[in-house]
Amino acid sequence: MPSAPTETDQKLAADVAALRAELSHEFTGLAEFKGAVRNDLRRIKGIRATLLLAALSFAGWIIADQASLGTQVKGLDRRVDEVKERLDRFESKIEARFDRLEKKLDAVIERTAPKAP
C-alpha cells in the first residue's frame, strides 16, 4: 500500500506545480515574442521588396533617360554640324565681300593718288 505523502513530498509537489505554471507563462511569452518577430520579419521583407522595386524602377528610368539623352545628343550633333556649315558659308561670303571691297578701295586709292611727274 502506498504511504501517505509526507510534508516534503507535498512541498516538492507544490514547487513542481509552481515551476510548471511559471514555465507555462514563460512559454506563452516566448510564443508571443515569436509571433511579434514573425510580424517584424514580414514587415522587413515587405520593405526590402519595396526598396528593391524602387531601385529597379530607378535603374530602368536611368537607362531609359540615357537612351533618350543619346538620341537628343545625336540630334544636337547634327544641329551643331549644320550651324558650322552655315558659319563656314557665311565666313566665305564675308571674305569674298571684303576682297571685293578691298579691290574697290585699291582702285579708288589709285585714282585719287597724285601721279608722279
Protein backbone atom coordinates (compact mmCIF):
# COMPACT_ATOMS: atom_id res chain seq x y z
CA MET A 1 0.00 0.00 0.00
CA PRO A 2 1.29 3.36 -0.78
CA SER A 3 2.08 5.51 2.10
CA ALA A 4 0.64 8.94 2.64
CA PRO A 5 2.66 11.76 1.13
CA THR A 6 4.99 13.38 3.53
CA GLU A 7 5.37 17.11 4.08
CA THR A 8 8.49 17.10 1.89
CA ASP A 9 6.56 15.33 -0.88
CA GLN A 10 3.77 17.90 -0.67
CA LYS A 11 6.24 20.77 -0.68
CA LEU A 12 8.06 19.24 -3.64
CA ALA A 13 4.74 18.75 -5.49
CA ALA A 14 3.83 22.42 -4.83
CA ASP A 15 7.23 23.56 -6.07
CA VAL A 16 6.86 21.45 -9.23
CA ALA A 17 3.36 22.89 -9.79
CA ALA A 18 4.69 26.44 -9.33
CA LEU A 19 7.56 25.71 -11.70
CA ARG A 20 5.11 24.26 -14.23
CA ALA A 21 2.94 27.41 -14.02
CA GLU A 22 6.00 29.66 -14.36
CA LEU A 23 7.29 27.68 -17.35
CA SER A 24 3.85 27.79 -18.96
CA HIS A 25 3.78 31.56 -18.51
CA GLU A 26 7.32 31.88 -19.98
CA PHE A 27 6.44 29.69 -22.96
CA THR A 28 3.37 31.82 -23.57
CA GLY A 29 5.60 34.90 -23.51
CA LEU A 30 8.02 33.20 -25.92
CA ALA A 31 5.15 32.34 -28.28
CA GLU A 32 4.02 35.99 -28.24
CA PHE A 33 7.61 37.11 -28.84
CA LYS A 34 7.93 34.62 -31.70
CA GLY A 35 4.73 35.98 -33.25
CA ALA A 36 6.00 39.56 -32.93
CA VAL A 37 9.31 38.58 -34.53
CA ARG A 38 7.45 36.93 -37.42
CA ASN A 39 5.39 40.07 -37.94
CA ASP A 40 8.53 42.19 -37.88
CA LEU A 41 10.22 39.86 -40.37
CA ARG A 42 7.19 40.11 -42.69
CA ARG A 43 7.37 43.91 -42.50
CA ILE A 44 11.11 43.84 -43.16
CA LYS A 45 10.58 41.59 -46.18
CA GLY A 46 7.90 43.95 -47.45
CA ILE A 47 10.18 46.94 -47.01
CA ARG A 48 13.01 45.08 -48.70
CA ALA A 49 10.77 44.18 -51.65
CA THR A 50 9.59 47.78 -51.90
CA LEU A 51 13.14 49.12 -51.84
CA LEU A 52 14.25 46.56 -54.42
CA LEU A 53 11.34 47.51 -56.68
CA ALA A 54 12.16 51.20 -56.24
CA ALA A 55 15.84 50.58 -57.05
CA LEU A 56 14.95 48.57 -60.16
CA SER A 57 12.46 51.22 -61.27
CA PHE A 58 15.07 53.92 -60.77
CA ALA A 59 17.62 51.91 -62.74
CA GLY A 60 15.10 51.42 -65.55
CA TRP A 61 14.34 55.13 -65.55
CA ILE A 62 18.06 55.96 -65.73
CA ILE A 63 18.56 53.55 -68.63
CA ALA A 64 15.57 54.97 -70.50
CA ASP A 65 16.73 58.50 -69.78
CA GLN A 66 20.22 57.68 -71.07
CA ALA A 67 18.74 56.33 -74.29
CA SER A 68 16.66 59.47 -74.65
CA LEU A 69 19.68 61.66 -73.95
CA GLY A 70 21.68 59.74 -76.53
CA THR A 71 19.04 60.48 -79.14
CA GLN A 72 18.95 64.13 -78.12
CA VAL A 73 22.73 64.38 -78.27
CA LYS A 74 22.76 62.92 -81.78
CA GLY A 75 20.17 65.50 -82.79
CA LEU A 76 22.24 68.27 -81.24
CA ASP A 77 25.35 67.00 -83.01
CA ARG A 78 23.51 67.26 -86.33
CA ARG A 79 22.37 70.78 -85.48
CA VAL A 80 25.90 71.80 -84.47
CA ASP A 81 27.22 70.43 -87.76
CA GLU A 82 24.55 72.39 -89.66
CA VAL A 83 25.45 75.58 -87.78
CA LYS A 84 29.16 75.01 -88.51
CA GLU A 85 28.40 74.61 -92.22
CA ARG A 86 26.29 77.79 -92.23
CA LEU A 87 29.03 79.70 -90.42
CA ASP A 88 31.63 78.44 -92.90
CA ARG A 89 29.45 79.58 -95.83
CA PHE A 90 28.83 82.91 -94.10
CA GLU A 91 32.55 83.34 -93.46
CA SER A 92 33.29 82.61 -97.13
CA LYS A 93 30.71 85.18 -98.24
CA ILE A 94 32.14 87.80 -95.85
CA GLU A 95 35.69 87.11 -97.03
CA ALA A 96 34.57 87.43 -100.66
CA ARG A 97 32.80 90.71 -99.88
CA PHE A 98 35.89 92.05 -98.08
CA ASP A 99 38.05 91.05 -101.04
CA ARG A 100 35.71 92.96 -103.40
CA LEU A 101 35.70 95.98 -101.08
CA GLU A 102 39.49 95.86 -100.84
CA LYS A 103 39.76 95.83 -104.65
CA LYS A 104 37.37 98.77 -104.91
CA LEU A 105 39.33 100.67 -102.25
CA ASP A 106 42.57 99.94 -104.06
CA ALA A 107 41.01 101.25 -107.29
CA VAL A 108 39.77 104.42 -105.53
CA ILE A 109 43.18 104.96 -103.95
CA GLU A 110 44.87 104.55 -107.33
CA ARG A 111 42.55 107.07 -108.97
CA THR A 112 42.92 109.62 -106.21
CA ALA A 113 46.64 109.20 -105.65
CA PRO A 114 48.78 112.02 -107.07
CA LYS A 115 50.50 110.97 -110.16
CA ALA A 116 54.25 111.24 -110.27
CA PRO A 117 55.70 113.75 -112.84
